[in-house]
C-alpha atoms as a PDB file:
ATOM      1  CA  MET A   1      -0.368   0.486  -0.031  1.00  0.00           C
ATOM      2  CA  HIS A   2       1.269   3.615  -0.550  1.00  0.00           C
ATOM      3  CA  ARG A   3      -0.117   6.446   1.220  1.00  0.00           C
ATOM      4  CA  PHE A   4       0.191  10.220  -0.144  1.00  0.00           C
ATOM      5  CA  VAL A   5      -0.879  13.240   2.195  1.00  0.00           C
ATOM      6  CA  TRP A   6      -1.503  16.044  -0.340  1.00  0.00           C
ATOM      7  CA  ASP A   7      -1.688  19.724   0.883  1.00  0.00           C
ATOM      8  CA  MET A   8      -5.314  20.547   0.899  1.00  0.00           C
ATOM      9  CA  HIS A   9      -4.497  24.549   0.360  1.00  0.00           C
ATOM     10  CA  TYR A  10      -4.955  26.754  -2.461  1.00  0.00           C
ATOM     11  CA  PRO A  11      -2.378  28.448  -4.193  1.00  0.00           C
ATOM     12  CA  PRO A  12      -0.261  30.304  -1.248  1.00  0.00           C
ATOM     13  CA  PRO A  13      -0.687  34.310  -0.916  1.00  0.00           C
ATOM     14  CA  GLU A  14       2.347  35.976  -2.452  1.00  0.00           C
ATOM     15  CA  SER A  15       5.229  36.823  -0.728  1.00  0.00           C
ATOM     16  CA  LEU A  16       8.498  38.248  -0.376  1.00  0.00           C
ATOM     17  CA  ASN A  17      10.076  36.080   2.102  1.00  0.00           C
ATOM     18  CA  ARG A  18       8.547  32.006   2.855  1.00  0.00           C
ATOM     19  CA  GLU A  19       9.741  30.217   5.856  1.00  0.00           C
ATOM     20  CA  PHE A  20       9.546  27.035   7.876  1.00  0.00           C
ATOM     21  CA  PRO A  21       7.849  27.012  10.953  1.00  0.00           C
ATOM     22  CA  ILE A  22       9.552  26.445  14.713  1.00  0.00           C
ATOM     23  CA  SER A  23       7.675  23.391  14.394  1.00  0.00           C
ATOM     24  CA  ALA A  24       8.681  22.205  11.105  1.00  0.00           C
ATOM     25  CA  ILE A  25       9.657  18.082  10.241  1.00  0.00           C
ATOM     26  CA  ALA A  26      12.202  17.816   7.620  1.00  0.00           C
ATOM     27  CA  HIS A  27      11.176  17.189   4.398  1.00  0.00           C
ATOM     28  CA  ASP A  28       7.735  17.496   5.309  1.00  0.00           C
ATOM     29  CA  THR A  29       6.750  20.664   6.319  1.00  0.00           C
ATOM     30  CA  PRO A  30       5.433  23.158   3.732  1.00  0.00           C
ATOM     31  CA  GLN A  31       7.135  26.474   4.374  1.00  0.00           C
ATOM     32  CA  VAL A  32       4.177  29.299   5.049  1.00  0.00           C
ATOM     33  CA  PRO A  33       2.644  31.589   4.462  1.00  0.00           C
ATOM     34  CA  LEU A  34       0.170  29.205   3.087  1.00  0.00           C
ATOM     35  CA  GLY A  35      -3.032  29.468   0.985  1.00  0.00           C
ATOM     36  CA  ALA A  36      -6.642  28.876   2.959  1.00  0.00           C
ATOM     37  CA  TRP A  37      -7.718  25.583   3.577  1.00  0.00           C
ATOM     38  CA  ALA A  38      -9.963  23.874   1.448  1.00  0.00           C
ATOM     39  CA  MET A  39     -13.273  22.973   2.460  1.00  0.00           C
ATOM     40  CA  PRO A  40     -14.495  19.661   2.975  1.00  0.00           C
ATOM     41  CA  GLY A  41     -16.714  18.378  -0.137  1.00  0.00           C
ATOM     42  CA  LYS A  42     -16.608  17.191  -3.595  1.00  0.00           C
ATOM     43  CA  TYR A  43     -13.529  18.700  -6.194  1.00  0.00           C
ATOM     44  CA  ILE A  44     -12.255  17.499  -9.873  1.00  0.00           C
ATOM     45  CA  VAL A  45      -8.169  16.456  -9.161  1.00  0.00           C
ATOM     46  CA  LYS A  46      -6.915  17.794 -12.987  1.00  0.00           C
ATOM     47  CA  LEU A  47      -3.999  16.431 -13.691  1.00  0.00           C
ATOM     48  CA  LYS A  48      -1.960  17.727 -17.264  1.00  0.00           C
ATOM     49  CA  VAL A  49       0.864  15.612 -19.128  1.00  0.00           C
ATOM     50  CA  ASP A  50       1.691  15.847 -22.386  1.00  0.00           C
ATOM     51  CA  GLY A  51      -1.083  17.825 -23.454  1.00  0.00           C
ATOM     52  CA  LYS A  52      -3.499  15.389 -22.223  1.00  0.00           C
ATOM     53  CA  THR A  53      -5.654  16.429 -19.492  1.00  0.00           C
ATOM     54  CA  TYR A  54      -6.815  13.552 -16.951  1.00  0.00           C
ATOM     55  CA  GLU A  55      -9.692  13.995 -14.309  1.00  0.00           C
ATOM     56  CA  GLN A  56     -10.555  12.559 -11.273  1.00  0.00           C
ATOM     57  CA  PRO A  57     -13.306  13.098  -8.769  1.00  0.00           C
ATOM     58  CA  LEU A  58     -11.777  13.734  -5.274  1.00  0.00           C
ATOM     59  CA  THR A  59     -13.961  14.155  -1.693  1.00  0.00           C
ATOM     60  CA  ILE A  60     -12.512  16.202   1.128  1.00  0.00           C
ATOM     61  CA  ARG A  61     -14.068  14.954   4.000  1.00  0.00           C
ATOM     62  CA  MET A  62     -13.408  16.709   7.765  1.00  0.00           C
ATOM     63  CA  ASP A  63     -11.440  14.762  10.311  1.00  0.00           C
ATOM     64  CA  PRO A  64     -14.452  13.484  12.324  1.00  0.00           C
ATOM     65  CA  ARG A  65     -12.885  14.138  15.415  1.00  0.00           C
ATOM     66  CA  ILE A  66     -13.385  17.721  14.762  1.00  0.00           C
ATOM     67  CA  LYS A  67     -16.293  19.259  15.451  1.00  0.00           C
ATOM     68  CA  THR A  68     -16.613  22.648  14.455  1.00  0.00           C
ATOM     69  CA  PHE A  69     -20.014  23.956  12.957  1.00  0.00           C
ATOM     70  CA  ASP A  70     -20.050  24.746   8.851  1.00  0.00           C
ATOM     71  CA  ALA A  71     -21.017  27.841   9.058  1.00  0.00           C
ATOM     72  CA  ASP A  72     -17.739  27.943  11.786  1.00  0.00           C
ATOM     73  CA  LEU A  73     -15.655  27.027   8.636  1.00  0.00           C
ATOM     74  CA  TRP A  74     -17.044  29.235   6.149  1.00  0.00           C
ATOM     75  CA  LYS A  75     -16.193  31.993   8.334  1.00  0.00           C
ATOM     76  CA  GLN A  76     -12.714  30.678   8.780  1.00  0.00           C
ATOM     77  CA  PHE A  77     -12.634  29.855   5.015  1.00  0.00           C
ATOM     78  CA  GLU A  78     -13.807  33.798   4.083  1.00  0.00           C
ATOM     79  CA  MET A  79     -11.036  34.909   6.445  1.00  0.00           C
ATOM     80  CA  GLU A  80      -8.291  33.108   5.099  1.00  0.00           C
ATOM     81  CA  ALA A  81      -9.344  34.338   1.486  1.00  0.00           C
ATOM     82  CA  ARG A  82      -9.220  37.965   2.105  1.00  0.00           C
ATOM     83  CA  ILE A  83      -5.930  37.449   4.114  1.00  0.00           C
ATOM     84  CA  VAL A  84      -4.451  35.619   0.816  1.00  0.00           C
ATOM     85  CA  GLU A  85      -6.146  38.565  -1.182  1.00  0.00           C
ATOM     86  CA  GLY A  86      -4.740  41.464   0.962  1.00  0.00           C
ATOM     87  CA  MET A  87      -1.362  40.024   0.864  1.00  0.00           C
ATOM     88  CA  ASN A  88      -1.913  39.580  -2.920  1.00  0.00           C
ATOM     89  CA  LYS A  89      -2.675  43.257  -3.667  1.00  0.00           C
ATOM     90  CA  THR A  90      -0.420  44.124  -0.760  1.00  0.00           C
ATOM     91  CA  PHE A  91       2.352  42.643  -2.699  1.00  0.00           C
ATOM     92  CA  ALA A  92       1.428  44.040  -6.205  1.00  0.00           C
ATOM     93  CA  ALA A  93       1.617  47.315  -4.926  1.00  0.00           C
ATOM     94  CA  LEU A  94       5.270  46.885  -3.498  1.00  0.00           C
ATOM     95  CA  GLN A  95       5.534  45.613  -7.004  1.00  0.00           C
ATOM     96  CA  GLN A  96       4.360  48.459  -8.670  1.00  0.00           C
ATOM     97  CA  VAL A  97       6.358  51.048  -6.117  1.00  0.00           C
ATOM     98  CA  ARG A  98       9.833  49.048  -6.606  1.00  0.00           C
ATOM     99  CA  SER A  99       9.360  49.195 -10.381  1.00  0.00           C
ATOM    100  CA  LEU A 100       8.657  53.274  -9.722  1.00  0.00           C
ATOM    101  CA  ARG A 101      12.428  53.804  -7.834  1.00  0.00           C
ATOM    102  CA  PRO A 102      14.261  53.388 -10.778  1.00  0.00           C
ATOM    103  CA  GLN A 103      12.388  55.907 -12.429  1.00  0.00           C
ATOM    104  CA  SER A 104      12.271  58.249  -9.871  1.00  0.00           C
ATOM    105  CA  GLN A 105      15.874  58.166  -9.145  1.00  0.00           C
ATOM    106  CA  THR A 106      16.477  59.166 -12.893  1.00  0.00           C
ATOM    107  CA  VAL A 107      13.500  62.257 -12.224  1.00  0.00           C
ATOM    108  CA  LEU A 108      15.539  63.646  -9.258  1.00  0.00           C
ATOM    109  CA  GLY A 109      18.927  62.846 -10.994  1.00  0.00           C
ATOM    110  CA  ARG A 110      17.763  66.387 -13.228  1.00  0.00           C
END
């Protein structure tokens, strides 16, 4: 038997630095910041190889030991998604400022 543990996060936000948490396990811990956790439900997994796409249904189930209400999970997901969106906007603004810096130095040099 083979066992795979998949990272069930949406894509991470753009950031200047990625680092491991202090509780990291070598070769088994993703770098932070992470994207929002995927909600329990039905998904379609797509794999593209040599121009061909393979699809397979996937069901994410909640850990039965966790007794959190669905409404609370949705609130957490929405908050995480807003944080990722805010980080992406901030990163884009920083990139824009960085691209304008050389231009402003040229103008100020005149």
